[in-house]
Protein backbone atom coordinates (compact mmCIF):
# COMPACT_ATOMS: atom_id res chain seq x y z
CA MET A 1 206.70 135.71 172.57
CA LEU A 2 207.83 138.30 170.02
CA SER A 3 208.12 141.01 172.64
CA SER A 4 210.64 138.93 174.57
CA LEU A 5 212.74 138.33 171.44
CA HIS A 6 213.19 142.09 170.85
CA HIS A 7 215.48 142.26 173.91
CA LEU A 8 218.02 139.91 172.33
CA PRO A 9 221.01 141.56 170.51
CA GLY A 10 220.73 141.67 166.72
CA THR A 11 217.02 141.06 166.61
CA THR A 12 215.15 143.96 164.98
CA ASN A 13 212.09 144.25 162.82
CA LEU A 14 210.87 140.79 163.67
CA LYS A 15 207.64 139.79 162.03
CA SER A 16 205.57 136.87 163.00
CA HIS A 17 205.33 134.10 160.47
CA PHE A 18 202.94 132.16 162.67
CA PRO A 19 199.25 132.20 161.70
CA SER A 20 196.98 133.88 164.18
CA ILE A 21 194.44 132.02 166.22
CA THR A 22 191.64 133.78 164.36
CA HIS A 23 193.13 132.69 161.03
CA LEU A 24 193.39 129.11 162.23
CA ARG A 25 189.81 129.12 163.46
CA HIS A 26 188.51 130.29 160.07
CA SER A 27 190.75 127.94 158.08
CA LEU A 28 189.67 124.79 159.93
CA THR A 29 186.37 123.17 159.09
CA PHE A 30 184.72 121.01 161.70
CA PRO A 31 182.22 118.33 160.71
CA LYS A 32 178.68 118.96 161.81
CA PRO A 33 177.58 116.70 164.66
CA LYS A 34 175.29 113.92 163.58
CA PRO A 35 171.78 114.14 164.98
CA LYS A 36 171.16 111.69 167.78
CA PRO A 37 168.58 109.03 167.00
CA LYS A 38 165.34 109.24 168.91
CA THR A 39 165.20 106.86 171.85
CA LEU A 40 162.60 104.17 171.57
CA THR A 41 160.12 103.80 174.39
CA LYS A 42 159.55 100.12 173.81
CA SER A 43 161.98 97.30 174.28
CA LEU A 44 164.42 96.58 171.48
CA LEU A 45 163.24 93.54 169.58
CA GLN A 46 165.64 90.95 168.25
CA TRP A 47 165.54 90.17 164.55
CA ASN A 48 162.97 92.92 164.05
CA ARG A 49 160.13 90.82 165.46
CA LYS A 50 158.17 90.27 168.63
CA PRO A 51 158.96 87.09 170.58
CA GLN A 52 156.42 84.32 170.26
CA LEU A 53 154.85 83.33 173.56
CA SER A 54 155.13 79.58 174.03
CA GLY A 55 153.36 77.41 176.56
CA GLU A 56 149.95 77.71 178.13
CA THR A 57 149.03 81.04 179.70
CA PRO A 58 149.28 82.23 182.30
CA ARG A 59 152.86 81.11 182.84
CA VAL A 60 153.43 80.93 186.60
CA VAL A 61 157.17 81.43 187.23
CA VAL A 62 158.83 81.47 190.63
CA VAL A 63 162.13 83.38 190.96
CA THR A 64 164.21 81.70 193.65
CA SER A 65 167.76 81.02 194.76
CA GLY A 66 168.05 79.64 198.28
CA LYS A 67 170.82 82.06 199.22
CA GLY A 68 169.90 85.64 200.04
CA GLY A 69 171.32 88.70 198.34
CA VAL A 70 172.00 87.16 194.92
CA GLY A 71 169.48 89.32 193.05
CA LYS A 72 166.06 87.62 193.10
CA THR A 73 164.05 90.80 193.61
CA THR A 74 166.17 92.78 191.14
CA THR A 75 165.67 90.04 188.55
CA THR A 76 161.91 89.90 189.16
CA ALA A 77 161.55 93.66 188.72
CA ASN A 78 163.66 93.92 185.58
CA ILE A 79 162.38 90.81 183.81
CA GLY A 80 158.80 91.71 184.75
CA LEU A 81 159.06 95.17 183.22
CA SER A 82 160.93 93.78 180.21
CA LEU A 83 158.02 91.41 179.58
CA ALA A 84 155.60 94.32 179.91
CA ARG A 85 157.61 96.37 177.42
CA LEU A 86 157.46 93.46 175.00
CA GLY A 87 153.66 93.69 175.15
CA PHE A 88 152.79 90.92 177.61
CA SER A 89 150.60 91.38 180.67
CA VAL A 90 152.45 90.63 183.92
CA VAL A 91 151.48 90.29 187.58
CA ALA A 92 154.43 90.24 190.00
CA ILE A 93 153.75 88.78 193.45
CA ASP A 94 156.10 89.66 196.32
CA ALA A 95 155.88 86.50 198.42
CA ASP A 96 158.37 87.65 201.06
CA VAL A 97 156.30 87.96 204.23
CA GLY A 98 157.22 90.94 206.40
CA LEU A 99 160.37 91.73 204.39
CA ARG A 100 158.99 92.83 201.04
CA ASN A 101 161.25 94.89 198.78
CA LEU A 102 159.84 94.50 195.28
CA ASP A 103 157.67 97.60 195.69
CA LEU A 104 160.78 99.65 196.51
CA LEU A 105 162.66 98.53 193.41
CA LEU A 106 159.65 99.40 191.26
CA GLY A 107 159.03 102.76 192.95
CA LEU A 108 155.52 101.71 194.02
CA GLU A 109 155.96 101.65 197.80
CA ASN A 110 153.62 104.62 198.38
CA ARG A 111 150.79 103.06 196.37
CA VAL A 112 150.44 99.74 198.21
CA ASN A 113 147.27 100.21 200.26
CA TYR A 114 145.96 96.64 200.33
CA THR A 115 147.69 93.27 200.36
CA VAL A 116 146.75 89.58 200.18
CA VAL A 117 146.06 89.64 203.93
CA GLU A 118 143.22 92.13 203.40
CA ILE A 119 141.89 90.02 200.52
CA LEU A 120 141.76 86.91 202.70
CA ASN A 121 140.09 88.86 205.52
CA GLY A 122 137.42 90.14 203.14
CA GLU A 123 138.46 93.78 203.56
CA CYS A 124 139.10 94.41 199.86
CA ARG A 125 138.78 92.90 196.41
CA LEU A 126 141.61 91.43 194.36
CA ASP A 127 141.58 94.28 191.86
CA GLN A 128 141.92 96.78 194.73
CA ALA A 129 145.09 95.10 195.99
CA LEU A 130 146.73 95.03 192.56
CA VAL A 131 148.97 98.07 192.00
CA ARG A 132 149.24 99.02 188.35
CA ASP A 133 152.47 100.62 187.15
CA LYS A 134 151.87 104.05 185.64
CA ARG A 135 154.76 103.66 183.21
CA TRP A 136 153.51 100.33 181.80
CA SER A 137 149.85 99.69 182.49
CA ASN A 138 150.14 95.98 181.65
CA PHE A 139 152.39 95.43 184.69
CA GLU A 140 150.80 94.96 188.12
CA LEU A 141 152.21 94.32 191.59
CA LEU A 142 150.63 92.30 194.38
CA CYS A 143 152.17 92.13 197.86
CA ILE A 144 151.48 89.30 200.28
CA SER A 145 151.63 91.43 203.42
CA LYS A 146 152.63 94.79 204.77
CA PRO A 147 156.10 95.30 206.30
CA ARG A 148 156.53 93.86 209.79
CA SER A 149 153.15 92.18 209.68
CA LYS A 150 152.29 88.54 210.28
CA LEU A 151 150.21 86.27 208.08
CA PRO A 152 147.25 84.27 209.34
CA ILE A 153 148.14 80.82 210.64
CA GLY A 154 146.24 79.13 207.83
CA PHE A 155 148.15 80.90 205.05
CA GLY A 156 150.32 78.60 202.95
CA GLY A 157 150.71 77.05 199.56
CA LYS A 158 146.98 76.41 199.15
CA ALA A 159 146.15 80.06 199.80
CA LEU A 160 148.71 81.25 197.25
CA THR A 161 147.39 78.68 194.75
CA TRP A 162 143.88 80.06 195.30
CA LEU A 163 145.25 83.55 194.65
CA VAL A 164 146.84 82.46 191.36
CA GLU A 165 143.58 80.78 190.32
CA ALA A 166 141.75 84.03 191.09
CA LEU A 167 144.14 85.89 188.79
CA LYS A 168 143.45 83.34 186.06
CA ALA A 169 139.70 83.78 186.56
CA ARG A 170 139.98 87.50 185.78
CA GLY A 171 140.08 86.53 182.11
CA ASP A 172 136.72 84.77 182.40
CA LYS A 173 135.08 87.84 183.93
CA THR A 174 136.47 90.34 181.43
CA GLY A 175 136.41 88.07 178.40
CA GLY A 176 140.16 88.39 177.94
CA THR A 177 142.71 85.62 177.69
CA GLY A 178 146.09 87.20 178.13
CA THR A 179 147.84 88.60 175.08
CA ASN A 180 145.19 87.45 172.64
CA GLY A 181 142.24 88.86 174.52
CA SER A 182 143.20 91.09 177.42
CA SER A 183 143.11 94.84 177.10
CA SER A 184 146.24 96.97 177.20
CA ASN A 185 145.45 98.32 180.67
CA GLY A 186 146.35 95.02 182.33
CA SER A 187 142.81 93.67 182.94
CA GLY A 188 142.05 90.05 182.17
CA CYS A 189 144.11 86.93 182.64
CA PRO A 190 147.84 87.82 182.69
CA ASP A 191 150.37 86.19 180.41
CA PHE A 192 152.94 85.87 183.21
CA ILE A 193 152.65 85.58 186.97
CA LEU A 194 156.09 86.12 188.53
CA ILE A 195 156.52 85.09 192.17
CA ASP A 196 159.42 86.68 194.03
CA CYS A 197 160.44 83.91 196.42
CA PRO A 198 161.94 84.67 199.85
CA ALA A 199 165.42 83.44 200.74
CA GLY A 200 165.92 80.12 202.45
CA ILE A 201 164.08 76.82 202.15
CA ASP A 202 161.63 77.14 205.01
CA ALA A 203 157.84 77.56 204.96
CA GLY A 204 158.01 80.77 202.90
CA PHE A 205 159.92 78.96 200.16
CA ILE A 206 157.45 76.05 200.11
CA THR A 207 154.52 78.49 199.92
CA ALA A 208 156.04 80.44 197.01
CA ILE A 209 156.85 77.43 194.82
CA THR A 210 153.52 75.61 195.34
CA PRO A 211 151.51 77.26 192.51
CA ALA A 212 154.45 77.55 190.08
CA ASN A 213 155.04 75.36 187.06
CA GLU A 214 158.35 77.02 186.05
CA ALA A 215 161.33 78.28 188.02
CA VAL A 216 164.12 80.77 187.38
CA LEU A 217 167.06 80.01 189.65
CA ILE A 218 169.30 83.00 190.47
CA THR A 219 172.89 82.37 191.50
CA THR A 220 176.26 84.08 191.57
CA PRO A 221 179.62 82.53 190.61
CA ASP A 222 180.69 81.67 194.16
CA ILE A 223 180.66 78.34 195.94
CA THR A 224 178.23 79.33 198.69
CA ALA A 225 175.54 80.42 196.25
CA LEU A 226 176.14 77.37 194.05
CA ARG A 227 175.71 74.92 196.92
CA ASP A 228 172.43 76.54 197.91
CA ALA A 229 171.31 76.62 194.27
CA ASP A 230 172.01 72.93 193.89
CA ARG A 231 169.97 72.19 197.01
CA VAL A 232 167.05 74.32 195.79
CA THR A 233 167.13 72.59 192.39
CA GLY A 234 166.55 69.27 194.10
CA LEU A 235 163.65 70.67 196.13
CA LEU A 236 162.03 72.16 193.03
CA GLU A 237 162.24 68.84 191.21
CA CYS A 238 160.75 67.03 194.21
CA ASP A 239 157.83 69.49 194.08
CA GLY A 240 157.20 68.57 190.44
CA ILE A 241 158.76 71.64 188.80
CA ARG A 242 160.84 70.32 185.92
CA ASP A 243 161.17 73.48 183.82
CA ILE A 244 164.08 75.12 185.68
CA LYS A 245 166.40 77.67 184.10
CA MET A 246 169.13 79.67 185.78
CA ILE A 247 170.47 83.20 185.63
CA VAL A 248 174.07 83.81 186.68
CA ASN A 249 174.23 87.25 188.27
CA ARG A 250 177.12 89.63 189.05
CA VAL A 251 179.54 88.21 186.47
CA ARG A 252 182.94 89.90 186.15
CA THR A 253 184.93 88.97 183.07
CA ASP A 254 188.15 90.51 184.44
CA MET A 255 188.09 88.16 187.43
CA ILE A 256 187.19 85.21 185.21
CA LYS A 257 190.19 85.90 182.97
CA GLY A 258 192.38 86.16 186.05
CA GLU A 259 190.97 82.83 187.27
CA ASP A 260 189.64 84.50 190.42
CA MET A 261 186.00 83.71 189.61
CA MET A 262 184.23 80.75 188.09
CA SER A 263 183.02 81.31 184.55
CA VAL A 264 179.41 81.01 183.47
CA LEU A 265 180.37 77.81 181.69
CA ASP A 266 181.74 76.36 184.94
CA VAL A 267 178.53 77.27 186.75
CA GLN A 268 176.39 75.68 184.06
CA GLU A 269 178.44 72.49 184.15
CA MET A 270 178.19 72.31 187.95
CA LEU A 271 174.42 72.81 188.18
CA GLY A 272 173.47 71.15 184.89
CA LEU A 273 170.66 73.63 184.17
CA PRO A 274 169.72 75.50 180.98
CA LEU A 275 171.10 79.04 181.01
CA LEU A 276 168.56 81.83 180.73
CA GLY A 277 171.01 84.70 181.04
CA ALA A 278 174.29 86.04 182.42
CA ILE A 279 174.14 89.45 184.09
CA PRO A 280 177.37 91.46 184.42
CA GLU A 281 178.38 93.29 187.58
CA ASP A 282 177.03 96.83 187.23
CA SER A 283 177.25 99.75 189.66
CA GLU A 284 174.09 101.17 188.09
CA VAL A 285 172.09 98.48 189.93
CA ILE A 286 172.49 100.32 193.26
CA ARG A 287 171.53 103.65 191.71
CA SER A 288 168.44 102.24 190.04
CA THR A 289 167.41 100.47 193.25
CA ASN A 290 167.66 103.67 195.29
CA ARG A 291 165.65 105.56 192.68
CA GLY A 292 162.95 102.92 192.28
CA TYR A 293 163.69 102.85 188.55
CA PRO A 294 164.62 99.41 187.14
CA LEU A 295 167.67 99.05 184.92
CA VAL A 296 165.70 98.10 181.80
CA LEU A 297 164.13 101.57 181.74
CA ASN A 298 167.47 103.40 181.63
CA LYS A 299 168.33 105.43 178.53
CA PRO A 300 170.83 104.60 177.21
CA PRO A 301 170.58 101.01 178.46
CA THR A 302 173.39 99.52 180.50
CA LEU A 303 174.98 96.13 179.86
CA ALA A 304 173.07 94.64 182.78
CA GLY A 305 169.81 96.10 181.51
CA LEU A 306 170.37 94.63 178.05
CA ALA A 307 171.20 91.26 179.61
CA PHE A 308 167.91 91.31 181.55
CA GLU A 309 166.02 92.09 178.34
CA GLN A 310 167.70 89.18 176.59
CA ALA A 311 166.77 86.89 179.49
CA ALA A 312 163.13 88.04 179.31
CA TRP A 313 163.13 87.32 175.57
CA ARG A 314 164.33 83.76 176.15
CA LEU A 315 161.79 83.28 178.94
CA VAL A 316 158.96 84.17 176.56
CA GLU A 317 160.05 81.63 173.97
CA GLN A 318 161.19 79.05 176.55
CA ASP A 319 164.65 79.26 175.03
CA SER A 320 168.11 79.10 176.57
CA MET A 321 171.59 80.37 175.73
CA GLN A 322 174.94 78.66 175.36
CA ALA A 323 177.79 79.77 177.59
CA VAL A 324 181.30 79.82 176.13
CA MET A 325 184.66 80.51 177.69
CA VAL A 326 185.79 84.13 177.73
CA GLU A 327 189.20 83.12 176.40
CA GLU A 328 187.62 81.84 173.17
CA GLU A 329 186.46 85.30 172.10
CA PRO A 330 188.57 87.84 174.01
CA LYS A 331 187.71 90.76 171.70
CA ARG A 332 183.97 90.49 172.24
CA GLY A 333 184.14 91.41 175.93
CA PHE A 334 181.21 90.50 178.11
CA PHE A 335 178.92 89.41 175.29
CA SER A 336 181.19 86.45 174.59
CA PHE A 337 178.89 84.78 177.11
CA PHE A 338 175.95 85.02 174.74
CA GLY A 339 175.82 82.27 172.21
CA GLY A 340 172.14 82.44 171.37
């Protein structure tokens, strides 16, 4: 800049009064970056404690919805691994015949060698069909059948009930009784048996809900999913399942504020069910599904992953949350949904 000023008339012996870049660099002091805290491998615990398992074990929970594509399998994978990270032994059963996907979401598709069909045919033992997760050894997967295969004609609710009873009997053989007695490698009677129910209300649905004594109903804030969820609630109650809680998936607070989507409070008032959790819309769900790496294992955790962990916590203690209107606490963002 000074060289260009020398060409102007009457400008001689110009000296720069501006500090040099080197002088500025030495005169400024930058704060040292704070060291990043070490990431914890286990699930974050509320109130600095482990949740207290309530109810008789094993807790047999069916994850259902009626409508397809609302997030049943995603919920089963994330809540199952959240329970395992909290220290509970979990067996997840993919009850979708011929269209199983739970193994893909967990990244275990290449390790499923035997299924329930082989167990019923006497070709393998139950422990051979159980696929143990290498990341969390207290989480196991059991698939009903292989893709594009058909079940025997006699398979139904009684067969699945027999399978659940066989899982309970593992504690008698090993001397373990779930959390209090089972070893950390997943042997013994599990604390939770999660059944990923197929879509619809046909024979597959009836088979999946037969051995369950609890249900987690997955829905989204749209009228088609809510009508199916209301229908499924009635069927669950007719089958004797009274402990029904719901998870509202794919919630978008921006659309709720713009009155383009029903709020979680509206959904709860329409269905009249205790609220287990509200999961925000998250693009990371697709990435985690394609990688076979559930959201709850992400570091740092996403909002959806944290919401799944909170839902798993409430499931352990048979607790529920209170939904409030977004407009009541606009500064709190998505977590204005969480009242407990």
